[in-house]
PDB file of N, CA and C in Angstrom:
ATOM      1  N   MET A   1     192.068   4.343  53.932  1.00  0.00           N
ATOM      2  CA  MET A   1     192.243   5.894  54.851  1.00  0.00           C
ATOM      3  C   MET A   1     191.745   5.890  56.599  1.00  0.00           C
ATOM      4  N   GLY A   2     190.824   4.731  56.538  1.00  0.00           N
ATOM      5  CA  GLY A   2     190.247   5.041  58.051  1.00  0.00           C
ATOM      6  C   GLY A   2     189.362   6.464  58.023  1.00  0.00           C
ATOM      7  N   TRP A   3     189.132   6.807  57.152  1.00  0.00           N
ATOM      8  CA  TRP A   3     187.759   7.997  57.141  1.00  0.00           C
ATOM      9  C   TRP A   3     186.681   7.349  57.783  1.00  0.00           C
ATOM     10  N   SER A   4     185.890   7.902  58.302  1.00  0.00           N
ATOM     11  CA  SER A   4     184.485   8.208  58.559  1.00  0.00           C
ATOM     12  C   SER A   4     183.946   8.918  57.100  1.00  0.00           C
ATOM     13  N   ILE A   5     182.459   8.115  57.260  1.00  0.00           N
ATOM     14  CA  ILE A   5     181.859   9.016  56.232  1.00  0.00           C
ATOM     15  C   ILE A   5     181.586  10.044  56.404  1.00  0.00           C
ATOM     16  N   GLU A   6     181.967  10.947  57.445  1.00  0.00           N
ATOM     17  CA  GLU A   6     181.595  12.079  57.746  1.00  0.00           C
ATOM     18  C   GLU A   6     182.478  13.031  57.239  1.00  0.00           C
ATOM     19  N   GLN A   7     184.034  12.521  57.489  1.00  0.00           N
ATOM     20  CA  GLN A   7     185.130  13.068  56.847  1.00  0.00           C
ATOM     21  C   GLN A   7     185.433  12.923  55.705  1.00  0.00           C
ATOM     22  N   ALA A   8     185.417  11.851  54.944  1.00  0.00           N
ATOM     23  CA  ALA A   8     185.419  11.786  54.248  1.00  0.00           C
ATOM     24  C   ALA A   8     184.530  12.929  52.796  1.00  0.00           C
ATOM     25  N   ALA A   9     183.111  12.888  53.292  1.00  0.00           N
ATOM     26  CA  ALA A   9     182.396  13.627  52.777  1.00  0.00           C
ATOM     27  C   ALA A   9     182.526  14.840  52.505  1.00  0.00           C
ATOM     28  N   ASP A  10     182.799  15.454  53.876  1.00  0.00           N
ATOM     29  CA  ASP A  10     183.018  16.755  54.085  1.00  0.00           C
ATOM     30  C   ASP A  10     184.799  16.902  53.657  1.00  0.00           C
ATOM     31  N   GLU A  11     185.979  16.257  53.432  1.00  0.00           N
ATOM     32  CA  GLU A  11     187.137  16.347  52.781  1.00  0.00           C
ATOM     33  C   GLU A  11     186.395  16.450  51.066  1.00  0.00           C
ATOM     34  N   LEU A  12     185.628  15.845  50.622  1.00  0.00           N
ATOM     35  CA  LEU A  12     184.872  16.047  49.339  1.00  0.00           C
ATOM     36  C   LEU A  12     184.307  17.225  49.010  1.00  0.00           C
ATOM     37  N   GLY A  13     183.430  17.641  49.909  1.00  0.00           N
ATOM     38  CA  GLY A  13     182.240  18.623  49.749  1.00  0.00           C
ATOM     39  C   GLY A  13     181.007  18.549  49.545  1.00  0.00           C
ATOM     40  N   VAL A  14     180.886  16.875  49.871  1.00  0.00           N
ATOM     41  CA  VAL A  14     179.272  16.554  49.096  1.00  0.00           C
ATOM     42  C   VAL A  14     178.664  16.163  50.496  1.00  0.00           C
ATOM     43  N   ASP A  15     177.587  16.063  50.399  1.00  0.00           N
ATOM     44  CA  ASP A  15     177.114  15.588  51.655  1.00  0.00           C
ATOM     45  C   ASP A  15     177.113  13.803  52.265  1.00  0.00           C
ATOM     46  N   PRO A  16     176.883  14.222  53.423  1.00  0.00           N
ATOM     47  CA  PRO A  16     177.541  12.392  53.557  1.00  0.00           C
ATOM     48  C   PRO A  16     176.643  11.188  53.087  1.00  0.00           C
ATOM     49  N   ALA A  17     175.581  11.130  52.865  1.00  0.00           N
ATOM     50  CA  ALA A  17     174.170  10.748  52.245  1.00  0.00           C
ATOM     51  C   ALA A  17     175.404  10.138  50.876  1.00  0.00           C
ATOM     52  N   ASN A  18     175.160  10.732  50.612  1.00  0.00           N
ATOM     53  CA  ASN A  18     175.698  10.797  48.964  1.00  0.00           C
ATOM     54  C   ASN A  18     177.377  10.106  49.275  1.00  0.00           C
ATOM     55  N   TRP A  19     178.106  10.263  50.105  1.00  0.00           N
ATOM     56  CA  TRP A  19     179.021   9.145  49.807  1.00  0.00           C
ATOM     57  C   TRP A  19     179.073   7.493  49.897  1.00  0.00           C
ATOM     58  N   SER A  20     177.797   7.560  51.288  1.00  0.00           N
ATOM     59  CA  SER A  20     177.316   6.510  51.755  1.00  0.00           C
ATOM     60  C   SER A  20     176.543   5.287  50.689  1.00  0.00           C
ATOM     61  N   ARG A  21     176.248   6.398  49.229  1.00  0.00           N
ATOM     62  CA  ARG A  21     175.657   5.275  48.161  1.00  0.00           C
ATOM     63  C   ARG A  21     176.999   5.178  47.230  1.00  0.00           C
ATOM     64  N   TRP A  22     178.234   5.713  47.080  1.00  0.00           N
ATOM     65  CA  TRP A  22     178.798   5.708  46.296  1.00  0.00           C
ATOM     66  C   TRP A  22     179.339   4.055  46.665  1.00  0.00           C
ATOM     67  N   GLU A  23     180.050   4.389  48.001  1.00  0.00           N
ATOM     68  CA  GLU A  23     180.917   3.262  48.771  1.00  0.00           C
ATOM     69  C   GLU A  23     179.471   2.263  48.631  1.00  0.00           C
ATOM     70  N   GLY A  24     178.277   2.281  48.655  1.00  0.00           N
ATOM     71  CA  GLY A  24     177.118   1.130  48.389  1.00  0.00           C
ATOM     72  C   GLY A  24     177.401   0.942  47.150  1.00  0.00           C
ATOM     73  N   GLY A  25     177.992   1.544  46.194  1.00  0.00           N
ATOM     74  CA  GLY A  25     178.185   0.567  44.262  1.00  0.00           C
ATOM     75  C   GLY A  25     176.793   1.411  44.093  1.00  0.00           C
ATOM     76  N   ARG A  26     176.792   2.305  44.068  1.00  0.00           N
ATOM     77  CA  ARG A  26     176.019   3.383  43.399  1.00  0.00           C
ATOM     78  C   ARG A  26     176.542   4.529  43.320  1.00  0.00           C
ATOM     79  N   PRO A  27     177.759   4.590  42.356  1.00  0.00           N
ATOM     80  CA  PRO A  27     178.716   5.476  42.041  1.00  0.00           C
ATOM     81  C   PRO A  27     177.848   6.880  41.574  1.00  0.00           C
ATOM     82  N   ASN A  28     176.994   7.161  40.902  1.00  0.00           N
ATOM     83  CA  ASN A  28     176.984   8.615  40.306  1.00  0.00           C
ATOM     84  C   ASN A  28     177.041   9.630  40.660  1.00  0.00           C
ATOM     85  N   LEU A  29     178.381   9.638  40.028  1.00  0.00           N
ATOM     86  CA  LEU A  29     179.818  10.553  40.874  1.00  0.00           C
ATOM     87  C   LEU A  29     179.946  11.707  39.197  1.00  0.00           C
ATOM     88  N   TYR A  30     179.783  12.907  39.826  1.00  0.00           N
ATOM     89  CA  TYR A  30     180.122  13.821  38.550  1.00  0.00           C
ATOM     90  C   TYR A  30     181.904  13.528  38.079  1.00  0.00           C
ATOM     91  N   ARG A  31     181.938  13.889  37.130  1.00  0.00           N
ATOM     92  CA  ARG A  31     183.028  13.922  37.331  1.00  0.00           C
ATOM     93  C   ARG A  31     184.201  14.899  37.541  1.00  0.00           C
ATOM     94  N   ARG A  32     183.815  15.847  38.956  1.00  0.00           N
ATOM     95  CA  ARG A  32     184.898  16.728  39.264  1.00  0.00           C
ATOM     96  C   ARG A  32     184.685  15.494  40.201  1.00  0.00           C
ATOM     97  N   HIS A  33     184.390  14.859  40.875  1.00  0.00           N
ATOM     98  CA  HIS A  33     183.971  14.263  42.458  1.00  0.00           C
ATOM     99  C   HIS A  33     185.230  13.086  41.904  1.00  0.00           C
ATOM    100  N   ARG A  34     185.077  12.530  40.736  1.00  0.00           N
ATOM    101  CA  ARG A  34     186.018  11.630  40.402  1.00  0.00           C
ATOM    102  C   ARG A  34     187.771  12.087  40.485  1.00  0.00           C
ATOM    103  N   LYS A  35     187.842  13.368  40.213  1.00  0.00           N
ATOM    104  CA  LYS A  35     189.107  13.735  39.811  1.00  0.00           C
ATOM    105  C   LYS A  35     189.657  14.031  41.279  1.00  0.00           C
ATOM    106  N   LEU A  36     188.388  14.897  42.192  1.00  0.00           N
ATOM    107  CA  LEU A  36     188.756  14.653  43.347  1.00  0.00           C
ATOM    108  C   LEU A  36     188.952  13.314  44.925  1.00  0.00           C
ATOM    109  N   ILE A  37     188.583  12.864  44.002  1.00  0.00           N
ATOM    110  CA  ILE A  37     188.327  11.531  44.760  1.00  0.00           C
ATOM    111  C   ILE A  37     189.750  10.740  44.316  1.00  0.00           C
ATOM    112  N   ALA A  38     190.063  10.751  43.030  1.00  0.00           N
ATOM    113  CA  ALA A  38     191.393  10.492  43.264  1.00  0.00           C
ATOM    114  C   ALA A  38     192.658  11.015  43.142  1.00  0.00           C
ATOM    115  N   SER A  39     192.601  12.460  43.704  1.00  0.00           N
ATOM    116  CA  SER A  39     193.745  13.540  44.301  1.00  0.00           C
ATOM    117  C   SER A  39     194.173  13.146  45.575  1.00  0.00           C
ATOM    118  N   ILE A  40     192.212  12.531  45.949  1.00  0.00           N
ATOM    119  CA  ILE A  40     192.232  12.485  47.964  1.00  0.00           C
ATOM    120  C   ILE A  40     193.484  10.846  47.825  1.00  0.00           C
ATOM    121  N   CYS A  41     192.881   9.813  47.279  1.00  0.00           N
ATOM    122  CA  CYS A  41     193.365   8.722  47.313  1.00  0.00           C
ATOM    123  C   CYS A  41     195.054   8.536  46.832  1.00  0.00           C
ATOM    124  N   ASP A  42     195.655   9.331  45.921  1.00  0.00           N
ATOM    125  CA  ASP A  42     197.087   9.729  45.694  1.00  0.00           C
ATOM    126  C   ASP A  42     197.576  10.416  46.699  1.00  0.00           C
ATOM    127  N   ALA A  43     197.216  11.629  47.074  1.00  0.00           N
ATOM    128  CA  ALA A  43     197.753  12.024  48.386  1.00  0.00           C
ATOM    129  C   ALA A  43     198.114  11.613  49.674  1.00  0.00           C
ATOM    130  N   ASN A  44     196.877  10.655  49.879  1.00  0.00           N
ATOM    131  CA  ASN A  44     196.950   9.536  50.840  1.00  0.00           C
ATOM    132  C   ASN A  44     197.615   8.195  50.336  1.00  0.00           C
ATOM    133  N   GLN A  45     198.509   7.734  49.749  1.00  0.00           N
ATOM    134  CA  GLN A  45     198.917   6.517  48.771  1.00  0.00           C
ATOM    135  C   GLN A  45     198.064   5.214  49.301  1.00  0.00           C
ATOM    136  N   VAL A  46     196.431   5.938  48.509  1.00  0.00           N
ATOM    137  CA  VAL A  46     195.918   4.851  48.698  1.00  0.00           C
ATOM    138  C   VAL A  46     195.617   4.011  47.088  1.00  0.00           C
ATOM    139  N   GLU A  47     195.890   2.942  47.070  1.00  0.00           N
ATOM    140  CA  GLU A  47     195.231   2.405  45.990  1.00  0.00           C
ATOM    141  C   GLU A  47     194.526   0.948  46.161  1.00  0.00           C
ATOM    142  N   PHE A  48     193.351   1.585  44.528  1.00  0.00           N
ATOM    143  CA  PHE A  48     192.613   0.751  44.223  1.00  0.00           C
ATOM    144  C   PHE A  48     192.192  -0.030  43.026  1.00  0.00           C
ATOM    145  N   GLU A  49     191.978  -0.876  42.867  1.00  0.00           N
ATOM    146  CA  GLU A  49     191.495  -1.682  41.811  1.00  0.00           C
ATOM    147  C   GLU A  49     190.264  -0.652  41.132  1.00  0.00           C
ATOM    148  N   SER A  50     190.188  -0.881  39.422  1.00  0.00           N
ATOM    149  CA  SER A  50     189.259  -0.176  39.025  1.00  0.00           C
ATOM    150  C   SER A  50     188.490  -1.646  38.467  1.00  0.00           C
ATOM    151  N   GLN A  51     186.929  -1.019  39.021  1.00  0.00           N
ATOM    152  CA  GLN A  51     186.233  -2.585  38.948  1.00  0.00           C
ATOM    153  C   GLN A  51     185.461  -2.237  36.928  1.00  0.00           C
ATOM    154  N   GLY A  52     185.974  -1.770  36.465  1.00  0.00           N
ATOM    155  CA  GLY A  52     185.105  -1.491  35.327  1.00  0.00           C
ATOM    156  C   GLY A  52     185.819  -0.797  33.914  1.00  0.00           C
ATOM    157  N   SER A  53     185.630   0.060  33.058  1.00  0.00           N
ATOM    158  CA  SER A  53     186.636  -0.045  31.742  1.00  0.00           C
ATOM    159  C   SER A  53     185.914   1.690  31.814  1.00  0.00           C
ATOM    160  N   ASN A  54     185.644   2.073  32.774  1.00  0.00           N
ATOM    161  CA  ASN A  54     185.219   3.817  32.737  1.00  0.00           C
ATOM    162  C   ASN A  54     186.264   4.328  32.737  1.00  0.00           C
TER     163      ASN A  54
END
């Protein structure tokens, strides 16, 4: 999407440090955050591959 960490965190309503951790592979996401991220990605036609069976 081309967003900075700050922009993505602001869009999701989380601290930029949390977003940075998620990007770094430490995905301790609440269900509501996963749903919001999926919604934002869908709205921006972003496709990504699942890395697990979650």
